[in-house]
Every structure is written in structure tokens, then in C-alpha cells.
Amino acid sequence: MKNKGIFTKRIEDLKNITQHNVKNILIFNERNIYYLTGFYGKDSSSILLIADKKNYLFVNFIYYEAAFESINPSDVELILYDKKNNVLLDILKKVKINELTLESSSITHTDFLNISKKLSEIKINTIDYPLKELRQVKNEEEIEIMMKNCMLTEQCISFIKNKGSDALKEITESELAFEMEGFLVKKGAFSKSFDFVIANNKNSSKPHHAAGNNKIKSGIILMDFGVMLKNYCSDITRTFIIDDIVKNKNKFLEIYQIVKEAQLSALSACKEGITASELDKIARDFISRHGYGKNFGHSLGHGIGLSVHEPPFISSENELVLKENMIITIEPGIYIPGFGGVRIEDMVLIKKNNCQRLYSDSKELTIIN
């Protein structure tokens, strides 16, 4: 982030949101720590204490220099820490904390028990998503980064199309995933958001098929991928056909059209004020009316930002009212075991009266020859 002051504001916003029922939060999630301090240490086991009077970031020696360069000392005090010493307990005693709230969704049950044992003299509470309300709505800088990421990600669609069918059929699903990741990193991406889903023909009926050593053949190719840019994620799914050859092509064209129209219906309805469940219902009812309700077994979408899957989740169970400047995915799909599947996924920015699609490519079926 360019603006260091944003972290000061976020810490204060968190305190204001939680002050009535939460005291002294211990945060373990590396993305939440980044959101509040500017330091991102993947798998670093860092701990952030947001206390009433002072905040502390506990980091291992390996990450100490990176944290020192990232944080604003007026926001948080940096503490060298490892699991063998008692510096966390010493700090808690020093600032006379007798009640502590743990971010429970980001630690194992074993770690929770160990911490509770060490802090037996302190009252322990838990909270699942302490930053949910803050991270759901993006600010201008976050939106700018994510828009740039989507533009970068979309370039990979052209890269795949331009390879042509002959080149695609010389490689495996895993090799294509590797080539795509390399292309995106060369274009400026930091890393991938998740393991790419590259699913050819029958494999496309598995929504999160792990790209394997299967040689790519003529037919369906479903690609779900995304990258990280300045720690923010992208996510996109496209379903193409190679060589204009598909077993039972009429069925494929039918389900592609249904998924496309279901997504367009949801996109048209997506705006501030609609609930997540209402949005899910629009696409789900459309697919069900066309006889494929049982073949759409996942939620319509999810929030995206520092994590590729984060609140708000666009599901039939979520009654949350969507707000302006949330960024979500809309990704209906139909999956037929033994045949294949279709999913079309876009990221969108929610606005007052509509939504802004963050990808610009056509919805028409792409045939790679």
C-alpha cells in the first residue's frame, strides 16, 4: 500500500467496531495482519495484538527485517518472538491485560489449547472473523489494484487462444497451468492465487479438478485461475472448446447457453441493496427451470480481495445485504459426470445501481482452432 496512514485508520476502525463486545484481539491470519500493519509474512506464524492502549506485532527472526521495513512504528511495536520464549505472556502481563480475544478461525484446536494453557490466568474469548466488516468493502486503492490485476489476468485468456489447438494438444493440463502461471508472472503478477484448474473434457465436470498429466485433446477445456498483485487476488473461469469438436455437441451448447444466461441474469440484478441469497437465487432458479438444478451444486460466488475466497459468500444461506464497493465473483455452472461441465466466472464491483464487470471479454463461446 502506498498510503501508510491507511493502516492507522484500519486499526482504529477495528477498535471502534469491536469495542463494545471485544477486548484485546490476538490476530493470527497473515492477511489480516497485512491489512492492519502493511507486513505480509506468508506462513510466518506472526501474531498481532490489538490492545486498548498499544499494539504489538510478534514476529520470528526470519521475518523481523521485512516486518521492520513494512510497519509504522507509531501504530505497532515490533517484538522478536518464537514459540519457545514467553515474550507474549510477558507483554500481556506488562500491559495488565486480563481479558483476551483470539481470532479462532486462523489457529488449530491444538494451538488454541496450548495458548489457553499458557494464558490460564487470562480470560479467553474467541471471534471467527474480526475483520470481516472492514475487508468486505474495498477502498479506492484496493479497487485500483484489483482492476489492474483483472486486466493482467485477462491477458492470459488471449495467451491461451493464441496458442492454437495444435500447440494445446501437445501438452498436458499441468503443463498448460505451468505455462499460464509463467506468462502471468512475466507480465507482473506476484504469484498465483490458487492452484489453477485446467480441466479437459470429462474432467470439466469436477468443479475443482486438479490439473493432471492428462494430454489435452479436442473438446471442452475449462480453466479457473487467478494471480496475486500487491497481495490482492484475481479469479476467473472460462470454458472453451478446442477444434469445434465435442462429444454430443448439442448438449454442450445447451448447457453453455444456460450458464451464460444465468450469469447475465445475476449480473443484471447485482447492485447495492440486494442480499447474497437473492442474487444466488436468480441464477439458481434460472438453471433449475431449464432442468439442471441438481447439476449446480456450489454457491454462486464469493468475496475476493486479500484472500481468493472471503466474505461475503454469495450463497442461498447468506442474508447479508450487499454494499457498494464490495468485490465479488459471479460463477454459475452446470456439471454432468461422465460428460463435462461449463462454468463462467467474472469478478464484479458492486455499485449503487448496478455492478461493474472487471473483465471485458465476450460471453460468446470461444472455439480454439
Protein backbone atom coordinates (compact mmCIF):
# COMPACT_ATOMS: atom_id res chain seq x y z
CA MET A 1 0.00 0.00 0.00
CA LYS A 2 1.24 3.48 -0.86
CA ASN A 3 -0.59 5.20 1.97
CA LYS A 4 0.90 4.23 5.34
CA GLY A 5 -1.81 6.20 7.13
CA ILE A 6 -4.41 3.71 5.94
CA PHE A 7 -3.12 1.15 8.47
CA THR A 8 -3.55 3.59 11.35
CA LYS A 9 -7.14 4.18 10.27
CA ARG A 10 -7.87 0.48 9.89
CA ILE A 11 -6.64 -0.28 13.40
CA GLU A 12 -8.83 2.49 14.78
CA ASP A 13 -11.80 1.27 12.71
CA LEU A 14 -11.34 -2.24 14.08
CA LYS A 15 -11.26 -0.93 17.65
CA ASN A 16 -14.41 1.11 17.03
CA ILE A 17 -16.26 -1.85 15.53
CA THR A 18 -15.33 -4.27 18.29
CA GLN A 19 -15.01 -2.08 21.36
CA HIS A 20 -18.44 -2.86 22.81
CA ASN A 21 -18.08 -6.64 22.99
CA VAL A 22 -14.44 -7.49 22.23
CA LYS A 23 -11.33 -6.59 24.19
CA ASN A 24 -7.69 -7.02 23.16
CA ILE A 25 -7.70 -9.08 19.96
CA LEU A 26 -4.94 -11.56 19.15
CA ILE A 27 -4.77 -11.93 15.34
CA PHE A 28 -3.02 -14.84 13.60
CA ASN A 29 -4.23 -14.61 10.00
CA GLU A 30 -1.34 -13.35 7.83
CA ARG A 31 -3.68 -11.45 5.51
CA ASN A 32 -5.41 -9.73 8.42
CA ILE A 33 -2.01 -8.78 9.81
CA TYR A 34 -1.10 -7.28 6.44
CA TYR A 35 -4.42 -5.43 6.26
CA LEU A 36 -3.73 -3.77 9.62
CA THR A 37 0.05 -3.23 9.51
CA GLY A 38 1.43 -3.47 5.96
CA PHE A 39 3.53 -6.54 6.82
CA TYR A 40 2.76 -9.75 4.91
CA GLY A 41 4.62 -12.85 6.04
CA LYS A 42 3.28 -15.95 4.36
CA ASP A 43 3.29 -18.89 6.80
CA SER A 44 5.32 -16.77 9.21
CA SER A 45 3.35 -17.65 12.38
CA SER A 46 3.33 -13.96 13.28
CA ILE A 47 0.89 -12.66 15.89
CA LEU A 48 -0.67 -9.21 16.12
CA LEU A 49 -2.06 -7.92 19.42
CA ILE A 50 -4.54 -5.07 19.08
CA ALA A 51 -4.88 -3.75 22.63
CA ASP A 52 -6.64 -0.78 24.16
CA LYS A 53 -3.54 1.36 24.70
CA LYS A 54 -0.85 -0.15 22.47
CA ASN A 55 -0.47 -2.64 19.62
CA TYR A 56 2.27 -5.26 19.22
CA LEU A 57 3.46 -7.35 16.27
CA PHE A 58 5.28 -10.54 17.30
CA VAL A 59 7.48 -11.96 14.51
CA ASN A 60 10.07 -14.68 14.14
CA PHE A 61 13.71 -13.72 13.47
CA ILE A 62 13.40 -14.84 9.83
CA TYR A 63 10.76 -12.16 9.15
CA TYR A 64 11.96 -9.45 11.53
CA GLU A 65 13.75 -7.27 8.95
CA ALA A 66 10.86 -7.45 6.47
CA ALA A 67 8.40 -6.50 9.22
CA PHE A 68 10.64 -3.64 10.39
CA GLU A 69 10.65 -2.22 6.86
CA SER A 70 6.87 -2.60 6.45
CA ILE A 71 5.21 -1.31 9.60
CA ASN A 72 4.64 2.14 11.02
CA PRO A 73 6.28 2.14 14.49
CA SER A 74 3.72 4.62 15.76
CA ASP A 75 1.00 2.04 15.04
CA VAL A 76 2.62 -1.12 16.37
CA GLU A 77 5.68 -2.09 18.37
CA LEU A 78 7.71 -4.86 16.76
CA ILE A 79 8.68 -7.73 19.07
CA LEU A 80 11.12 -10.57 18.28
CA TYR A 81 9.28 -13.76 19.15
CA ASP A 82 9.39 -17.51 18.88
CA LYS A 83 7.26 -20.24 20.37
CA LYS A 84 9.98 -21.19 22.87
CA ASN A 85 10.00 -17.92 24.76
CA ASN A 86 7.34 -16.26 26.88
CA VAL A 87 7.56 -12.76 25.43
CA LEU A 88 3.86 -12.74 24.51
CA LEU A 89 2.90 -13.61 28.07
CA ASP A 90 5.38 -11.04 29.40
CA ILE A 91 3.81 -8.29 27.26
CA LEU A 92 0.30 -9.25 28.34
CA LYS A 93 1.36 -9.03 31.98
CA LYS A 94 3.23 -5.77 31.38
CA VAL A 95 0.18 -4.01 29.95
CA LYS A 96 -2.07 -5.69 32.53
CA ILE A 97 -4.37 -7.50 30.10
CA ASN A 98 -6.74 -9.80 31.93
CA GLU A 99 -9.15 -10.48 29.07
CA LEU A 100 -8.13 -11.53 25.55
CA THR A 101 -10.00 -12.40 22.34
CA LEU A 102 -8.42 -14.94 19.97
CA GLU A 103 -9.02 -14.99 16.23
CA SER A 104 -10.15 -18.62 16.38
CA SER A 105 -10.70 -19.25 12.65
CA SER A 106 -6.95 -18.94 11.96
CA ILE A 107 -5.49 -21.36 14.50
CA THR A 108 -5.80 -25.08 15.08
CA HIS A 109 -7.62 -26.52 18.05
CA THR A 110 -4.26 -27.73 19.38
CA ASP A 111 -2.76 -24.22 19.19
CA PHE A 112 -5.85 -22.82 20.89
CA LEU A 113 -5.46 -25.28 23.76
CA ASN A 114 -1.74 -24.50 24.06
CA ILE A 115 -2.35 -20.75 24.15
CA SER A 116 -5.18 -21.16 26.64
CA LYS A 117 -2.91 -23.24 28.88
CA LYS A 118 -0.10 -20.66 28.76
CA LEU A 119 -2.55 -17.84 29.41
CA SER A 120 -4.52 -19.65 32.11
CA GLU A 121 -4.71 -16.53 34.27
CA ILE A 122 -6.36 -14.52 31.49
CA LYS A 123 -9.99 -14.77 30.44
CA ILE A 124 -10.04 -16.11 26.85
CA ASN A 125 -12.79 -15.28 24.34
CA THR A 126 -12.93 -16.15 20.63
CA ILE A 127 -14.04 -14.42 17.43
CA ASP A 128 -14.13 -16.01 13.96
CA TYR A 129 -13.74 -13.11 11.53
CA PRO A 130 -12.80 -9.91 13.39
CA LEU A 131 -12.04 -8.02 10.16
CA LYS A 132 -14.98 -9.28 8.12
CA GLU A 133 -16.86 -5.99 8.15
CA LEU A 134 -13.75 -3.99 7.25
CA ARG A 135 -12.33 -6.19 4.50
CA GLN A 136 -15.62 -6.74 2.66
CA VAL A 137 -15.81 -3.14 1.42
CA LYS A 138 -12.79 -2.04 -0.62
CA ASN A 139 -11.29 1.45 -0.68
CA GLU A 140 -10.16 3.28 -3.83
CA GLU A 141 -6.59 1.99 -3.65
CA GLU A 142 -7.70 -1.62 -3.25
CA ILE A 143 -10.14 -1.27 -6.15
CA GLU A 144 -7.41 0.19 -8.36
CA ILE A 145 -5.06 -2.70 -7.59
CA MET A 146 -7.75 -5.31 -8.24
CA MET A 147 -8.80 -3.70 -11.52
CA LYS A 148 -5.18 -3.80 -12.70
CA ASN A 149 -4.98 -7.43 -11.61
CA CYS A 150 -8.08 -8.31 -13.64
CA MET A 151 -6.62 -6.60 -16.72
CA LEU A 152 -3.43 -8.62 -16.24
CA THR A 153 -5.36 -11.85 -15.70
CA GLU A 154 -7.45 -11.31 -18.81
CA GLN A 155 -4.29 -11.10 -20.93
CA CYS A 156 -3.84 -14.78 -20.17
CA ILE A 157 -7.11 -15.54 -21.99
CA SER A 158 -5.59 -14.11 -25.16
CA PHE A 159 -2.40 -16.08 -24.50
CA ILE A 160 -4.39 -19.34 -24.40
CA LYS A 161 -6.41 -18.52 -27.52
CA ASN A 162 -3.30 -17.55 -29.45
CA LYS A 163 -1.58 -20.86 -28.70
CA GLY A 164 -3.99 -22.59 -31.04
CA SER A 165 -5.34 -26.12 -30.86
CA ASP A 166 -2.24 -27.88 -32.23
CA ALA A 167 0.01 -26.39 -29.52
CA LEU A 168 -2.53 -27.10 -26.77
CA LYS A 169 -2.80 -30.75 -27.82
CA GLU A 170 0.96 -31.20 -27.46
CA ILE A 171 0.85 -30.56 -23.69
CA THR A 172 -0.89 -31.79 -20.55
CA GLU A 173 -3.29 -29.97 -18.25
CA SER A 174 -0.47 -29.44 -15.75
CA GLU A 175 1.89 -28.13 -18.41
CA LEU A 176 -0.70 -25.60 -19.55
CA ALA A 177 -1.21 -24.46 -15.95
CA PHE A 178 2.57 -24.04 -15.61
CA GLU A 179 2.79 -22.04 -18.86
CA MET A 180 -0.09 -19.80 -17.81
CA GLU A 181 1.48 -19.08 -14.45
CA GLY A 182 4.80 -18.26 -16.12
CA PHE A 183 3.11 -15.92 -18.58
CA LEU A 184 1.32 -14.07 -15.78
CA VAL A 185 4.43 -13.73 -13.61
CA LYS A 186 6.35 -12.32 -16.58
CA LYS A 187 3.56 -9.79 -17.04
CA GLY A 188 3.94 -8.58 -13.45
CA ALA A 189 1.95 -10.92 -11.20
CA PHE A 190 3.46 -11.82 -7.81
CA SER A 191 2.23 -15.41 -7.70
CA LYS A 192 -0.89 -17.48 -8.31
CA SER A 193 -3.99 -17.01 -6.13
CA PHE A 194 -4.63 -20.75 -6.00
CA ASP A 195 -3.75 -23.93 -7.87
CA PHE A 196 -5.07 -23.48 -11.41
CA VAL A 197 -7.99 -25.65 -12.50
CA ILE A 198 -7.33 -26.88 -16.05
CA ALA A 199 -9.98 -29.46 -16.91
CA ASN A 200 -10.26 -31.13 -20.31
CA ASN A 201 -13.41 -32.94 -21.49
CA LYS A 202 -14.81 -35.29 -18.77
CA ASN A 203 -12.60 -33.66 -16.14
CA SER A 204 -14.58 -30.43 -16.54
CA SER A 205 -17.49 -31.97 -14.62
CA LYS A 206 -15.35 -31.70 -11.46
CA PRO A 207 -15.62 -28.06 -10.31
CA HIS A 208 -12.15 -28.01 -8.70
CA HIS A 209 -10.38 -30.61 -10.81
CA ALA A 210 -6.65 -30.71 -10.05
CA ALA A 211 -4.73 -30.22 -13.30
CA GLY A 212 -3.06 -33.54 -14.07
CA ASN A 213 -0.76 -35.25 -16.53
CA ASN A 214 -3.59 -35.87 -18.96
CA LYS A 215 -2.72 -34.88 -22.53
CA ILE A 216 -5.09 -32.17 -23.73
CA LYS A 217 -7.43 -33.33 -26.51
CA SER A 218 -10.06 -31.78 -28.74
CA GLY A 219 -13.22 -30.89 -26.85
CA ILE A 220 -14.08 -28.99 -23.68
CA ILE A 221 -11.43 -27.08 -21.76
CA LEU A 222 -12.45 -25.35 -18.52
CA MET A 223 -9.87 -23.01 -16.96
CA ASP A 224 -10.23 -21.46 -13.49
CA PHE A 225 -7.22 -19.38 -12.49
CA GLY A 226 -6.05 -16.19 -10.83
CA VAL A 227 -2.96 -14.39 -9.61
CA MET A 228 -1.82 -12.07 -6.85
CA LEU A 229 -0.85 -8.46 -7.49
CA LYS A 230 0.33 -6.46 -4.47
CA ASN A 231 -1.17 -9.20 -2.27
CA TYR A 232 -4.64 -8.91 -3.86
CA CYS A 233 -6.18 -11.84 -5.73
CA SER A 234 -7.91 -12.29 -9.06
CA ASP A 235 -10.18 -15.16 -10.09
CA ILE A 236 -11.66 -16.04 -13.49
CA THR A 237 -13.20 -19.10 -15.13
CA ARG A 238 -13.74 -19.61 -18.83
CA THR A 239 -14.96 -22.66 -20.73
CA PHE A 240 -13.82 -23.04 -24.36
CA ILE A 241 -13.89 -25.82 -26.91
CA ILE A 242 -10.90 -26.99 -28.92
CA ASP A 243 -11.23 -27.75 -32.67
CA ASP A 244 -15.01 -27.23 -32.51
CA ILE A 245 -15.27 -30.91 -31.60
CA VAL A 246 -17.32 -32.02 -28.58
CA LYS A 247 -18.95 -35.34 -27.90
CA ASN A 248 -22.70 -34.60 -28.00
CA LYS A 249 -22.09 -31.02 -29.08
CA ASN A 250 -25.77 -30.05 -28.86
CA LYS A 251 -25.86 -30.86 -25.16
CA PHE A 252 -22.70 -28.84 -24.57
CA LEU A 253 -24.08 -25.84 -26.48
CA GLU A 254 -27.31 -26.12 -24.48
CA ILE A 255 -25.63 -26.04 -21.07
CA TYR A 256 -23.20 -23.31 -22.16
CA GLN A 257 -26.12 -21.09 -23.18
CA ILE A 258 -27.98 -21.79 -19.92
CA VAL A 259 -24.93 -20.96 -17.78
CA LYS A 260 -24.25 -17.81 -19.79
CA GLU A 261 -27.83 -16.55 -19.46
CA ALA A 262 -27.94 -17.45 -15.76
CA GLN A 263 -24.82 -15.40 -15.19
CA LEU A 264 -26.11 -12.48 -17.26
CA SER A 265 -29.33 -12.51 -15.20
CA ALA A 266 -27.34 -12.33 -11.96
CA LEU A 267 -25.07 -9.60 -13.35
CA SER A 268 -28.12 -7.52 -14.29
CA ALA A 269 -29.55 -7.80 -10.77
CA CYS A 270 -26.30 -7.26 -8.89
CA LYS A 271 -26.22 -3.92 -7.06
CA GLU A 272 -26.15 -2.41 -3.59
CA GLY A 273 -29.17 -3.47 -1.53
CA ILE A 274 -29.71 -6.98 -2.90
CA THR A 275 -28.96 -9.80 -0.48
CA ALA A 276 -26.43 -12.51 -1.24
CA SER A 277 -29.18 -15.14 -1.11
CA GLU A 278 -31.40 -13.22 -3.54
CA LEU A 279 -28.56 -12.96 -6.03
CA ASP A 280 -27.78 -16.66 -5.72
CA LYS A 281 -31.48 -17.48 -6.23
CA ILE A 282 -31.69 -15.57 -9.51
CA ALA A 283 -29.04 -17.70 -11.21
CA ARG A 284 -30.03 -20.93 -9.42
CA ASP A 285 -33.72 -20.63 -10.35
CA PHE A 286 -32.81 -19.95 -13.98
CA ILE A 287 -30.67 -23.10 -14.16
CA SER A 288 -33.34 -25.13 -12.31
CA ARG A 289 -36.08 -24.02 -14.70
CA HIS A 290 -34.02 -25.47 -17.53
CA GLY A 291 -33.71 -28.84 -15.81
CA TYR A 292 -30.17 -28.66 -14.43
CA GLY A 293 -30.70 -27.53 -10.84
CA LYS A 294 -29.11 -30.70 -9.44
CA ASN A 295 -26.04 -30.07 -11.59
CA PHE A 296 -25.30 -26.70 -9.98
CA GLY A 297 -24.11 -27.78 -6.56
CA HIS A 298 -21.99 -24.87 -5.34
CA SER A 299 -22.78 -21.30 -4.33
CA LEU A 300 -23.00 -18.56 -6.94
CA GLY A 301 -19.87 -16.74 -5.82
CA HIS A 302 -17.76 -15.22 -3.07
CA GLY A 303 -15.99 -12.10 -1.97
CA ILE A 304 -12.41 -11.67 -3.11
CA GLY A 305 -9.55 -9.44 -2.03
CA LEU A 306 -6.51 -10.35 0.05
CA SER A 307 -7.93 -13.89 0.04
CA VAL A 308 -9.33 -15.54 -3.05
CA HIS A 309 -12.36 -16.73 -1.04
CA GLU A 310 -13.55 -14.34 1.63
CA PRO A 311 -16.82 -12.82 2.86
CA PRO A 312 -19.35 -12.02 1.55
CA PHE A 313 -20.22 -15.51 0.34
CA ILE A 314 -22.92 -15.42 -2.34
CA SER A 315 -24.96 -18.39 -1.22
CA SER A 316 -28.58 -19.32 -0.57
CA GLU A 317 -27.94 -19.23 3.21
CA ASN A 318 -26.42 -15.75 3.40
CA GLU A 319 -28.91 -12.95 4.07
CA LEU A 320 -26.23 -10.25 4.08
CA VAL A 321 -27.17 -7.10 2.17
CA LEU A 322 -24.50 -6.30 -0.41
CA LYS A 323 -22.87 -2.87 -0.23
CA GLU A 324 -21.23 -0.51 -2.69
CA ASN A 325 -17.51 -1.24 -3.31
CA MET A 326 -17.69 -4.88 -2.38
CA ILE A 327 -15.94 -7.04 -4.99
CA ILE A 328 -17.42 -10.49 -5.57
CA THR A 329 -17.40 -13.28 -8.12
CA ILE A 330 -20.46 -14.50 -10.02
CA GLU A 331 -19.81 -18.02 -11.29
CA PRO A 332 -22.76 -20.30 -12.09
CA GLY A 333 -22.00 -23.72 -13.52
CA ILE A 334 -23.50 -26.96 -14.76
CA TYR A 335 -21.58 -30.22 -14.26
CA ILE A 336 -22.57 -33.56 -15.79
CA PRO A 337 -20.47 -36.53 -14.58
CA GLY A 338 -19.01 -38.57 -17.42
CA PHE A 339 -19.67 -35.80 -19.92
CA GLY A 340 -18.23 -32.49 -18.78
CA GLY A 341 -19.16 -29.10 -17.42
CA VAL A 342 -19.40 -25.38 -18.01
CA ARG A 343 -18.60 -22.56 -15.60
CA ILE A 344 -18.36 -18.86 -16.41
CA GLU A 345 -16.90 -16.64 -13.70
CA ASP A 346 -16.43 -12.89 -13.51
CA MET A 347 -15.30 -10.54 -10.79
CA VAL A 348 -17.59 -7.54 -10.31
CA LEU A 349 -17.50 -4.30 -8.34
CA ILE A 350 -20.82 -3.58 -6.67
CA LYS A 351 -22.17 -0.07 -7.24
CA LYS A 352 -25.25 1.85 -6.11
CA ASN A 353 -27.49 0.96 -9.05
CA ASN A 354 -25.63 -1.83 -10.85
CA CYS A 355 -22.32 -3.66 -10.88
CA GLN A 356 -19.17 -3.14 -12.90
CA ARG A 357 -17.76 -6.24 -14.54
CA LEU A 358 -13.97 -6.25 -14.14
CA TYR A 359 -13.31 -8.36 -17.25
CA SER A 360 -14.11 -7.13 -20.74
CA ASP A 361 -14.05 -10.27 -22.92
CA SER A 362 -17.10 -11.56 -24.76
CA LYS A 363 -19.55 -14.04 -23.30
CA GLU A 364 -19.85 -15.81 -26.63
CA LEU A 365 -18.41 -19.31 -26.81
CA THR A 366 -14.76 -19.35 -27.87
CA ILE A 367 -13.59 -22.05 -30.27
CA ILE A 368 -9.83 -22.58 -30.36
CA ASN A 369 -8.68 -23.85 -33.73
